[in-house]
Amino acid sequence: MPTFNATNPVSVGLSTKKDHFDRAFDNILVVRDGGIAIPSQTAHDFIPAASASQLTRVAAVAGKVPHFKADGSGWEMVSVAGPQSFRGLHLRTHQDGDAAANKVALVGLEEVVMDDGVRYSGLTFPLEADITASGAAGLDTGSRTASTWYSIYLIGKASTQLASDLRLLLHREKDWTLDQSQTTQDTYAQLRSSTATTKLAQGFQPGTTGLCEMIDILGYRTGTPSGNIWLTIEADAAGVPSGTPLATSDKLVVTDMSSGLGNIRFPFRTPVSLTAGTQYWIVMQGDYTVHASNNFVWSAKGGASSYAGGSYATYNPTTWTLTATHDFAFKTYVTRNSAALTLPSGWTQSCKVGYVYNTGSNVLRKFVQHERWNQPIESVTVGAIASAYQSVNHVAAFVPPVPCLLSTFINCDTLGSQAMIAGAPEGSYLNPSARLAGVGGFTARVANENFVASCLVDWQGVYPSCYPSGTATFYLDAFEWLR
């Protein structure tokens, strides 16, 4: 295609007649000063066609991309959430022993895509962040807190899009703290064992205002009920549950639950914010056929009130009956510190690249991470389990508060015992006599045999067991964080 550097078509032999120039336009690119000039253009602007013979300028906006309107009315800049992906990542606590307690270091990364879609490569390493410092290369807000997970972000500047402006930034992750509980038991009630117990309930009063994202219930399946059970959180209405759910948990399949006593985790995927000191009710419900032998048992403490914030109640199809001297066994968790990342002034891009745990001693747990696979480089004991039945363990110190693939190193001290582990919320669905889908485990061929087993974990909950006897000790081998 011929190109002419001219402002006057006559000077290069073109006819001054418009029809001649129009016919030539299809095959000629007319340029000025070495390129097409659009008034007031700046770096990264988008230059689309406004018509068959005219260009226009769409101004660049940080965090936005050009978008053609479906109605054909033109172009606009719209916000975009980038994939926040990376390739070839190598992250760790600082490689120097005298710095590892406070610093993380990014020692390798081939490529990263930030939350606005901007892609970087060619980084200079290492990049470091110090949890005792503030801002870029430190902690985004607040001060260091013991026994807490921190996410690690790579941050950049959309204004420059220079790899040399990239920094690491630490951010405190949310935690699910145990708020209210009653854990003793010497009696029970059976859900839907008769029309007198079509619902069961326990009153409680939060000590902390915040979202309630999960509740643990102490109980077990008896017989062969076929159906589901779930929890609702309800307001108080003249001393009994209101009947209107403020939040509803997952419906768990009662048929496959363990027949042995244990804590079962019920997550609330659309949680409600509860107010400290206000009366609420945990209401257990089910949809299986009412039956005297095939049902679910909720354990309780009788004889005298063991929990001051509420009491035990049963429901027939029309009326609640309170028993002031009884309390069901339960645990409620409240979400704390669920704040968004705060970027330092001048930085506008981010990509999450990892997690690090700040221990109870205010020391970062040593780890190495390749891609999303995070492995401690110190011995970390999750727990020693001697129970043949599954009971949820809250493992907030071992996995961050996001879905993870957990790998555990297990020592089983007894020949013939089966050590198993599964993640919440499905982990209560274990049969001690077999390995089921989603359950990691093995049978010890000799005493003190070691094995590695993995499972998917959510809600920082796992269900470990050792059947029919002996003790299985679980160690944190590694985890892969999934979001």
Protein backbone atom coordinates (compact mmCIF):
# COMPACT_ATOMS: atom_id res chain seq x y z
CA MET A 1 0.00 0.00 0.00
CA PRO A 2 1.62 3.34 -1.04
CA THR A 3 2.18 5.93 1.64
CA PHE A 4 2.47 9.68 1.12
CA ASN A 5 3.83 12.13 3.70
CA ALA A 6 1.86 15.19 2.72
CA THR A 7 -0.63 17.67 3.98
CA ASN A 8 -1.69 18.79 0.50
CA PRO A 9 -2.67 16.06 -1.97
CA VAL A 10 -1.92 18.39 -4.93
CA SER A 11 1.74 18.52 -4.00
CA VAL A 12 2.12 14.80 -4.65
CA GLY A 13 0.18 14.78 -7.88
CA LEU A 14 -3.28 13.93 -6.65
CA SER A 15 -6.28 15.63 -8.18
CA THR A 16 -7.89 18.36 -6.15
CA LYS A 17 -11.24 16.91 -7.05
CA LYS A 18 -12.80 15.18 -4.08
CA ASP A 19 -14.11 12.21 -6.03
CA HIS A 20 -10.60 11.36 -7.23
CA PHE A 21 -9.24 11.53 -3.66
CA ASP A 22 -12.08 9.36 -2.29
CA ARG A 23 -11.32 6.66 -4.87
CA ALA A 24 -7.63 6.75 -3.98
CA PHE A 25 -8.31 6.72 -0.19
CA ASP A 26 -9.05 2.97 -0.12
CA ASN A 27 -5.45 2.23 -1.08
CA ILE A 28 -3.55 5.15 0.41
CA LEU A 29 -2.57 5.88 4.01
CA VAL A 30 -1.97 9.59 4.43
CA VAL A 31 0.32 10.41 7.36
CA ARG A 32 1.67 13.60 8.91
CA ASP A 33 4.91 14.10 10.83
CA GLY A 34 5.69 10.42 10.71
CA GLY A 35 2.34 9.10 12.02
CA ILE A 36 -1.38 9.63 12.41
CA ALA A 37 -1.87 12.57 14.76
CA ILE A 38 -4.94 12.85 16.99
CA PRO A 39 -5.27 16.11 18.97
CA SER A 40 -4.45 15.75 22.69
CA GLN A 41 -3.59 12.05 22.53
CA THR A 42 -1.55 10.57 25.41
CA ALA A 43 0.22 7.29 26.06
CA HIS A 44 -2.05 4.21 26.13
CA ASP A 45 -5.02 6.01 24.52
CA PHE A 46 -7.25 3.92 22.27
CA ILE A 47 -7.73 5.22 18.70
CA PRO A 48 -10.74 3.60 16.98
CA ALA A 49 -12.51 4.66 13.77
CA ALA A 50 -15.29 7.17 14.31
CA SER A 51 -16.51 6.79 10.72
CA ALA A 52 -15.34 5.44 7.37
CA SER A 53 -12.84 8.28 7.03
CA GLN A 54 -12.24 9.63 10.54
CA LEU A 55 -10.37 8.45 13.65
CA THR A 56 -11.24 9.41 17.18
CA ARG A 57 -9.57 9.26 20.60
CA VAL A 58 -10.79 7.30 23.62
CA ALA A 59 -8.77 8.42 26.64
CA ALA A 60 -6.95 5.77 28.66
CA VAL A 61 -8.17 5.28 32.24
CA ALA A 62 -6.24 3.26 34.82
CA GLY A 63 -8.00 -0.02 35.55
CA LYS A 64 -10.24 0.20 32.46
CA VAL A 65 -10.15 -1.19 28.92
CA PRO A 66 -11.81 -0.15 25.64
CA HIS A 67 -15.20 -1.73 25.04
CA PHE A 68 -17.38 -1.53 21.92
CA LYS A 69 -21.03 -0.86 22.74
CA ALA A 70 -23.38 -3.57 21.55
CA ASP A 71 -25.86 -1.00 20.24
CA GLY A 72 -23.24 0.32 17.82
CA SER A 73 -23.15 3.78 19.40
CA GLY A 74 -19.39 3.81 19.82
CA TRP A 75 -16.64 2.90 22.25
CA GLU A 76 -16.26 3.42 25.98
CA MET A 77 -13.74 2.64 28.74
CA VAL A 78 -15.05 0.04 31.19
CA SER A 79 -13.65 -1.44 34.39
CA VAL A 80 -12.07 -4.86 34.09
CA ALA A 81 -11.09 -7.39 36.72
CA GLY A 82 -7.99 -9.15 35.54
CA PRO A 83 -7.36 -12.84 36.13
CA GLN A 84 -4.68 -12.20 38.77
CA SER A 85 -2.61 -15.09 37.50
CA PHE A 86 1.07 -15.88 37.55
CA ARG A 87 3.56 -18.36 36.14
CA GLY A 88 6.89 -19.61 37.42
CA LEU A 89 6.41 -18.25 40.95
CA HIS A 90 8.89 -19.01 43.74
CA LEU A 91 7.99 -17.40 47.08
CA ARG A 92 9.30 -18.06 50.58
CA THR A 93 10.09 -16.69 53.99
CA HIS A 94 13.34 -14.79 53.71
CA GLN A 95 16.32 -16.93 52.76
CA ASP A 96 18.50 -15.36 55.47
CA GLY A 97 18.00 -16.99 58.84
CA ASP A 98 18.19 -13.69 60.70
CA ALA A 99 15.41 -12.17 58.55
CA ALA A 100 12.99 -15.10 58.09
CA ALA A 101 11.00 -14.33 61.24
CA ASN A 102 9.77 -11.03 59.77
CA LYS A 103 10.22 -11.08 56.00
CA VAL A 104 8.93 -12.87 52.92
CA ALA A 105 10.80 -12.84 49.62
CA LEU A 106 9.73 -13.33 46.02
CA VAL A 107 12.78 -14.98 44.48
CA GLY A 108 11.40 -15.99 41.10
CA LEU A 109 8.49 -15.14 38.79
CA GLU A 110 8.35 -15.52 35.00
CA GLU A 111 5.13 -13.61 34.42
CA VAL A 112 2.21 -12.05 36.32
CA VAL A 113 -1.16 -10.60 35.27
CA MET A 114 -2.52 -7.95 37.63
CA ASP A 115 -6.16 -7.31 38.59
CA ASP A 116 -6.50 -4.71 35.79
CA GLY A 117 -5.21 -7.13 33.15
CA VAL A 118 -1.72 -5.60 32.82
CA ARG A 119 0.95 -8.25 32.29
CA TYR A 120 4.51 -8.03 33.65
CA SER A 121 7.66 -10.03 33.02
CA GLY A 122 11.36 -9.35 33.35
CA LEU A 123 11.29 -8.70 37.10
CA THR A 124 14.39 -8.06 39.19
CA PHE A 125 14.72 -10.30 42.26
CA PRO A 126 14.41 -10.64 45.13
CA LEU A 127 11.39 -8.56 46.11
CA GLU A 128 10.80 -8.49 49.86
CA ALA A 129 8.13 -7.48 52.37
CA ASP A 130 8.69 -6.92 56.09
CA ILE A 131 5.70 -7.47 58.40
CA THR A 132 7.15 -4.96 60.87
CA ALA A 133 7.14 -2.19 58.22
CA SER A 134 4.22 -0.22 56.75
CA GLY A 135 3.17 0.43 53.17
CA ALA A 136 4.80 -0.90 50.01
CA ALA A 137 7.26 -3.70 50.91
CA GLY A 138 5.51 -3.97 54.30
CA LEU A 139 2.02 -4.31 55.82
CA ASP A 140 -0.86 -2.45 54.16
CA THR A 141 -2.65 -1.35 57.36
CA GLY A 142 -2.59 -1.97 61.11
CA SER A 143 0.11 -3.73 63.04
CA ARG A 144 1.35 -7.27 63.29
CA THR A 145 -1.04 -9.69 65.02
CA ALA A 146 -0.13 -13.08 66.47
CA SER A 147 -1.84 -16.32 65.33
CA THR A 148 -3.01 -14.75 62.08
CA TRP A 149 -2.81 -15.50 58.36
CA TYR A 150 -1.47 -12.84 56.01
CA SER A 151 -1.94 -12.82 52.26
CA ILE A 152 0.96 -11.68 50.09
CA TYR A 153 0.31 -9.40 47.12
CA LEU A 154 2.41 -8.13 44.27
CA ILE A 155 1.42 -4.51 43.61
CA GLY A 156 2.17 -2.18 40.70
CA LYS A 157 1.48 1.25 39.21
CA ALA A 158 -0.89 1.51 36.26
CA SER A 159 0.46 5.02 35.65
CA THR A 160 3.90 3.68 34.70
CA GLN A 161 3.40 -0.05 34.09
CA LEU A 162 7.07 -0.54 34.93
CA ALA A 163 8.35 -3.81 36.39
CA SER A 164 10.76 -1.72 38.45
CA ASP A 165 7.78 -0.26 40.36
CA LEU A 166 6.51 -3.66 41.53
CA ARG A 167 6.56 -4.33 45.28
CA LEU A 168 5.35 -6.98 47.72
CA LEU A 169 2.61 -6.09 50.21
CA LEU A 170 1.26 -8.05 53.21
CA HIS A 171 -2.43 -7.96 54.15
CA ARG A 172 -4.12 -9.40 57.24
CA GLU A 173 -6.65 -12.08 56.28
CA LYS A 174 -10.00 -12.60 57.98
CA ASP A 175 -10.31 -15.12 60.78
CA TRP A 176 -13.20 -17.18 62.08
CA THR A 177 -13.02 -16.86 65.84
CA LEU A 178 -14.90 -19.12 68.23
CA ASP A 179 -17.43 -16.81 69.86
CA GLN A 180 -20.04 -18.83 71.83
CA SER A 181 -19.99 -22.46 72.87
CA GLN A 182 -21.40 -25.14 75.13
CA THR A 183 -19.35 -28.33 74.81
CA THR A 184 -20.43 -30.64 77.64
CA GLN A 185 -23.01 -33.40 77.21
CA ASP A 186 -24.78 -36.07 79.24
CA THR A 187 -28.15 -36.24 77.46
CA TYR A 188 -29.62 -35.60 74.01
CA ALA A 189 -32.69 -34.99 71.87
CA GLN A 190 -33.55 -36.74 68.61
CA LEU A 191 -34.59 -34.57 65.66
CA ARG A 192 -37.82 -35.84 64.09
CA SER A 193 -38.02 -38.90 66.32
CA SER A 194 -41.67 -37.99 66.83
CA THR A 195 -43.97 -35.10 66.07
CA ALA A 196 -42.85 -33.56 69.39
CA THR A 197 -39.34 -32.92 68.00
CA THR A 198 -39.86 -31.79 64.41
CA LYS A 199 -37.39 -28.99 65.19
CA LEU A 200 -34.76 -28.50 67.89
CA ALA A 201 -33.26 -25.18 68.98
CA GLN A 202 -30.65 -23.59 71.22
CA GLY A 203 -30.65 -19.94 72.22
CA PHE A 204 -27.40 -17.96 72.18
CA GLN A 205 -26.11 -14.40 72.52
CA PRO A 206 -23.06 -13.37 70.46
CA GLY A 207 -20.18 -11.79 72.30
CA THR A 208 -18.87 -10.13 69.13
CA THR A 209 -20.76 -8.28 66.42
CA GLY A 210 -20.07 -9.75 62.98
CA LEU A 211 -20.93 -12.33 60.36
CA CYS A 212 -21.67 -15.86 61.56
CA GLU A 213 -20.34 -18.06 58.75
CA MET A 214 -20.39 -21.46 60.47
CA ILE A 215 -21.73 -23.37 63.46
CA ASP A 216 -20.53 -26.71 64.88
CA ILE A 217 -23.07 -29.14 66.35
CA LEU A 218 -22.21 -32.14 68.56
CA GLY A 219 -24.23 -35.14 67.46
CA TYR A 220 -24.51 -38.27 65.33
CA ARG A 221 -26.79 -40.28 63.04
CA THR A 222 -28.76 -43.15 64.52
CA GLY A 223 -30.35 -45.87 62.38
CA THR A 224 -30.88 -45.22 58.69
CA PRO A 225 -32.64 -41.89 58.13
CA SER A 226 -32.91 -40.83 54.49
CA GLY A 227 -32.80 -37.09 53.85
CA ASN A 228 -31.08 -33.91 54.96
CA ILE A 229 -30.53 -31.79 58.04
CA TRP A 230 -29.66 -28.11 58.22
CA LEU A 231 -29.51 -25.17 60.59
CA THR A 232 -31.16 -21.78 60.52
CA ILE A 233 -30.30 -18.74 62.60
CA GLU A 234 -33.45 -16.99 63.79
CA ALA A 235 -34.29 -13.94 65.85
CA ASP A 236 -35.98 -14.22 69.22
CA ALA A 237 -39.75 -13.76 69.36
CA ALA A 238 -41.09 -13.61 72.92
CA GLY A 239 -38.55 -16.15 74.15
CA VAL A 240 -38.71 -18.66 71.26
CA PRO A 241 -37.42 -18.79 67.66
CA SER A 242 -39.24 -16.41 65.32
CA GLY A 243 -39.79 -18.97 62.56
CA THR A 244 -38.14 -16.69 59.99
CA PRO A 245 -34.57 -17.64 59.04
CA LEU A 246 -32.00 -14.88 59.08
CA ALA A 247 -29.55 -17.33 57.49
CA THR A 248 -29.70 -20.96 56.37
CA SER A 249 -26.80 -23.42 56.34
CA ASP A 250 -25.90 -26.02 53.75
CA LYS A 251 -28.22 -29.01 53.79
CA LEU A 252 -26.07 -31.98 54.84
CA VAL A 253 -27.01 -35.54 53.89
CA VAL A 254 -27.91 -37.26 57.15
CA THR A 255 -27.88 -40.70 55.51
CA ASP A 256 -24.09 -40.67 55.16
CA MET A 257 -23.18 -39.06 58.47
CA SER A 258 -21.09 -40.84 61.04
CA SER A 259 -22.88 -42.98 63.59
CA GLY A 260 -20.32 -41.96 66.21
CA LEU A 261 -20.47 -38.83 68.35
CA GLY A 262 -18.61 -35.86 66.91
CA ASN A 263 -18.77 -32.18 66.05
CA ILE A 264 -20.26 -31.46 62.62
CA ARG A 265 -19.63 -28.18 60.81
CA PHE A 266 -22.56 -26.40 59.14
CA PRO A 267 -21.42 -23.52 56.86
CA PHE A 268 -23.60 -20.52 56.03
CA ARG A 269 -22.72 -19.44 52.50
CA THR A 270 -24.93 -16.36 52.80
CA PRO A 271 -24.15 -15.39 56.39
CA VAL A 272 -25.95 -12.89 58.58
CA SER A 273 -24.31 -10.21 60.70
CA LEU A 274 -25.21 -10.76 64.36
CA THR A 275 -25.19 -8.10 67.06
CA ALA A 276 -23.34 -8.69 70.31
CA GLY A 277 -25.62 -9.20 73.32
CA THR A 278 -28.73 -9.86 71.21
CA GLN A 279 -30.75 -13.06 71.66
CA TYR A 280 -30.75 -15.45 68.67
CA TRP A 281 -31.60 -19.09 68.10
CA ILE A 282 -29.85 -21.98 66.35
CA VAL A 283 -32.68 -24.07 64.89
CA MET A 284 -32.03 -27.61 63.61
CA GLN A 285 -34.40 -28.90 60.93
CA GLY A 286 -34.68 -31.95 58.69
CA ASP A 287 -36.70 -33.38 55.84
CA TYR A 288 -36.45 -37.13 56.52
CA THR A 289 -39.47 -39.14 57.62
CA VAL A 290 -40.35 -38.84 61.31
CA HIS A 291 -39.15 -42.09 62.90
CA ALA A 292 -38.34 -43.22 66.44
CA SER A 293 -35.12 -45.04 65.45
CA ASN A 294 -33.92 -43.44 62.22
CA ASN A 295 -32.98 -39.85 62.94
CA PHE A 296 -30.25 -37.45 64.04
CA VAL A 297 -29.20 -37.02 67.68
CA TRP A 298 -28.17 -33.60 69.05
CA SER A 299 -26.19 -33.97 72.29
CA ALA A 300 -26.94 -31.75 75.28
CA LYS A 301 -26.11 -31.05 78.91
CA GLY A 302 -28.94 -31.54 81.39
CA GLY A 303 -29.59 -31.10 85.09
CA ALA A 304 -28.68 -27.41 85.29
CA SER A 305 -28.14 -24.62 82.84
CA SER A 306 -24.55 -24.77 81.55
CA TYR A 307 -24.85 -21.85 79.11
CA ALA A 308 -26.11 -18.48 80.30
CA GLY A 309 -26.99 -17.05 76.89
CA GLY A 310 -29.97 -19.26 76.08
CA SER A 311 -31.70 -22.57 76.59
CA TYR A 312 -32.79 -25.79 74.90
CA ALA A 313 -36.13 -25.95 73.05
CA THR A 314 -38.14 -28.54 71.11
CA TYR A 315 -40.91 -27.96 68.59
CA ASN A 316 -44.01 -29.87 67.64
CA PRO A 317 -45.80 -28.71 64.49
CA THR A 318 -47.30 -25.72 66.32
CA THR A 319 -45.56 -24.96 69.65
CA TRP A 320 -42.08 -24.50 71.12
CA THR A 321 -41.36 -26.07 74.54
CA LEU A 322 -38.45 -24.67 76.57
CA THR A 323 -36.31 -26.67 78.99
CA ALA A 324 -34.39 -24.11 81.05
CA THR A 325 -32.16 -26.71 82.73
CA HIS A 326 -30.80 -28.07 79.43
CA ASP A 327 -28.46 -26.71 76.76
CA PHE A 328 -27.48 -28.29 73.46
CA ALA A 329 -23.78 -28.62 72.58
CA PHE A 330 -22.68 -26.11 69.93
CA LYS A 331 -20.00 -23.67 68.78
CA THR A 332 -20.57 -20.43 66.87
CA TYR A 333 -17.87 -18.63 64.88
CA VAL A 334 -17.76 -14.93 64.05
CA THR A 335 -15.82 -13.44 61.15
CA ARG A 336 -13.32 -10.76 62.12
CA ASN A 337 -11.05 -8.43 60.16
CA SER A 338 -12.66 -9.09 56.79
CA ALA A 339 -11.22 -5.94 55.22
CA ALA A 340 -10.20 -5.40 51.61
CA LEU A 341 -6.60 -4.83 50.60
CA THR A 342 -5.50 -1.21 51.08
CA LEU A 343 -3.04 -0.11 48.39
CA PRO A 344 -0.36 2.46 49.28
CA SER A 345 -0.58 5.85 47.56
CA GLY A 346 0.54 5.61 43.94
CA TRP A 347 -0.01 1.86 43.60
CA THR A 348 -3.19 0.85 41.79
CA GLN A 349 -2.66 -2.78 40.68
CA SER A 350 -2.46 -6.02 42.65
CA CYS A 351 -2.22 -9.78 42.32
CA LYS A 352 -2.38 -12.19 45.25
CA VAL A 353 0.66 -14.48 45.14
CA GLY A 354 0.63 -16.37 48.46
CA TYR A 355 -0.04 -16.75 52.17
CA VAL A 356 2.10 -16.78 55.30
CA TYR A 357 1.14 -17.59 58.90
CA ASN A 358 2.27 -15.36 61.75
CA THR A 359 2.48 -17.72 64.73
CA GLY A 360 1.45 -17.16 68.34
CA SER A 361 5.06 -16.15 69.02
CA ASN A 362 4.87 -13.39 66.37
CA VAL A 363 7.25 -15.25 64.09
CA LEU A 364 6.48 -16.04 60.45
CA ARG A 365 6.19 -19.79 59.88
CA LYS A 366 8.97 -20.78 57.52
CA PHE A 367 7.74 -21.94 54.13
CA VAL A 368 8.60 -22.27 50.46
CA GLN A 369 5.98 -21.89 47.73
CA HIS A 370 6.12 -22.88 44.06
CA GLU A 371 3.15 -21.64 42.07
CA ARG A 372 0.30 -22.08 44.63
CA TRP A 373 1.84 -25.06 46.45
CA ASN A 374 2.94 -23.92 49.95
CA GLN A 375 5.14 -26.21 52.04
CA PRO A 376 6.38 -25.52 55.59
CA ILE A 377 10.10 -26.00 56.14
CA GLU A 378 9.62 -26.74 59.81
CA SER A 379 7.72 -29.52 61.58
CA VAL A 380 4.06 -28.59 62.15
CA THR A 381 1.83 -30.98 64.13
CA VAL A 382 -1.87 -30.70 63.32
CA GLY A 383 -3.00 -33.13 66.01
CA ALA A 384 -2.95 -36.63 67.53
CA ILE A 385 -6.29 -38.40 66.98
CA ALA A 386 -7.40 -41.50 68.89
CA SER A 387 -11.09 -41.39 67.95
CA ALA A 388 -12.61 -43.95 65.58
CA TYR A 389 -15.33 -41.46 64.64
CA GLN A 390 -15.14 -38.18 62.80
CA SER A 391 -15.28 -34.88 64.65
CA VAL A 392 -14.42 -31.59 62.99
CA ASN A 393 -11.11 -30.01 63.97
CA HIS A 394 -10.77 -26.24 63.45
CA VAL A 395 -7.36 -26.00 61.76
CA ALA A 396 -7.05 -22.21 61.48
CA ALA A 397 -3.35 -22.41 62.35
CA PHE A 398 -2.58 -24.75 59.44
CA VAL A 399 -4.50 -23.55 56.37
CA PRO A 400 -5.61 -20.02 55.41
CA PRO A 401 -9.33 -19.08 55.39
CA VAL A 402 -9.85 -20.11 51.75
CA PRO A 403 -10.48 -23.45 50.02
CA CYS A 404 -7.27 -25.51 49.98
CA LEU A 405 -5.95 -28.86 48.89
CA LEU A 406 -4.36 -30.12 52.12
CA SER A 407 -1.60 -32.72 52.19
CA THR A 408 -0.91 -34.35 55.56
CA PHE A 409 1.92 -36.59 56.71
CA ILE A 410 0.41 -39.22 59.05
CA ASN A 411 1.97 -41.58 61.57
CA CYS A 412 -0.26 -44.46 62.70
CA ASP A 413 1.03 -46.23 65.81
CA THR A 414 -1.05 -49.43 65.63
CA LEU A 415 -0.91 -52.30 63.15
CA GLY A 416 -4.18 -52.63 61.22
CA SER A 417 -5.61 -49.24 62.17
CA GLN A 418 -7.05 -46.99 59.47
CA ALA A 419 -6.07 -43.31 59.60
CA MET A 420 -8.33 -41.05 57.54
CA ILE A 421 -8.88 -37.36 56.96
CA ALA A 422 -11.49 -35.39 55.00
CA GLY A 423 -12.40 -31.73 54.70
CA ALA A 424 -15.42 -29.74 55.79
CA PRO A 425 -18.27 -29.64 55.13
CA GLU A 426 -18.52 -33.14 53.60
CA GLY A 427 -16.00 -34.69 55.99
CA SER A 428 -18.66 -35.98 58.38
CA TYR A 429 -19.75 -38.36 55.63
CA LEU A 430 -17.19 -41.03 56.50
CA ASN A 431 -17.58 -44.74 56.88
CA PRO A 432 -14.76 -46.01 59.12
CA SER A 433 -14.63 -49.32 57.25
CA ALA A 434 -13.84 -47.93 53.79
CA ARG A 435 -12.08 -45.18 51.92
CA LEU A 436 -14.64 -43.02 50.15
CA ALA A 437 -14.27 -40.30 47.53
CA GLY A 438 -12.84 -37.13 49.05
CA VAL A 439 -11.22 -38.98 51.97
CA GLY A 440 -7.47 -39.42 52.32
CA GLY A 441 -6.24 -42.36 54.35
CA PHE A 442 -4.45 -45.68 54.68
CA THR A 443 -4.32 -48.87 56.73
CA ALA A 444 -1.14 -49.37 58.78
CA ARG A 445 0.70 -52.58 57.78
CA VAL A 446 3.08 -52.23 60.72
CA ALA A 447 3.08 -50.18 63.90
CA ASN A 448 4.28 -46.60 63.43
CA GLU A 449 3.87 -46.64 59.68
CA ASN A 450 3.96 -43.28 57.90
CA PHE A 451 1.87 -42.15 54.97
CA VAL A 452 0.88 -39.00 53.07
CA ALA A 453 -2.84 -38.35 52.54
CA SER A 454 -4.64 -35.37 51.02
CA CYS A 455 -8.13 -33.88 50.96
CA LEU A 456 -9.94 -30.73 49.93
CA VAL A 457 -10.55 -28.38 52.85
CA ASP A 458 -12.91 -25.45 53.25
CA TRP A 459 -14.02 -23.42 56.28
CA GLN A 460 -10.69 -24.35 57.96
CA GLY A 461 -12.23 -27.64 59.05
CA VAL A 462 -10.99 -31.25 58.77
CA TYR A 463 -12.40 -34.56 59.98
CA PRO A 464 -9.57 -36.89 61.09
CA SER A 465 -10.04 -40.37 62.59
CA CYS A 466 -8.18 -43.54 63.54
CA TYR A 467 -10.25 -46.73 63.32
CA PRO A 468 -10.75 -49.05 65.20
CA SER A 469 -7.96 -48.31 67.71
CA GLY A 470 -4.62 -46.64 68.18
CA THR A 471 -3.51 -43.06 67.59
CA ALA A 472 -2.82 -41.29 64.31
CA THR A 473 -0.68 -38.15 64.43
CA PHE A 474 -1.25 -35.71 61.59
CA TYR A 475 1.42 -33.26 60.41
CA LEU A 476 1.10 -30.43 57.93
CA ASP A 477 2.88 -31.61 54.79
CA ALA A 478 1.74 -28.84 52.40
CA PHE A 479 -1.30 -27.03 51.06
CA GLU A 480 -2.31 -25.59 47.72
CA TRP A 481 -4.49 -22.51 48.06
CA LEU A 482 -7.29 -22.38 45.51
CA ARG A 483 -8.30 -18.74 45.62
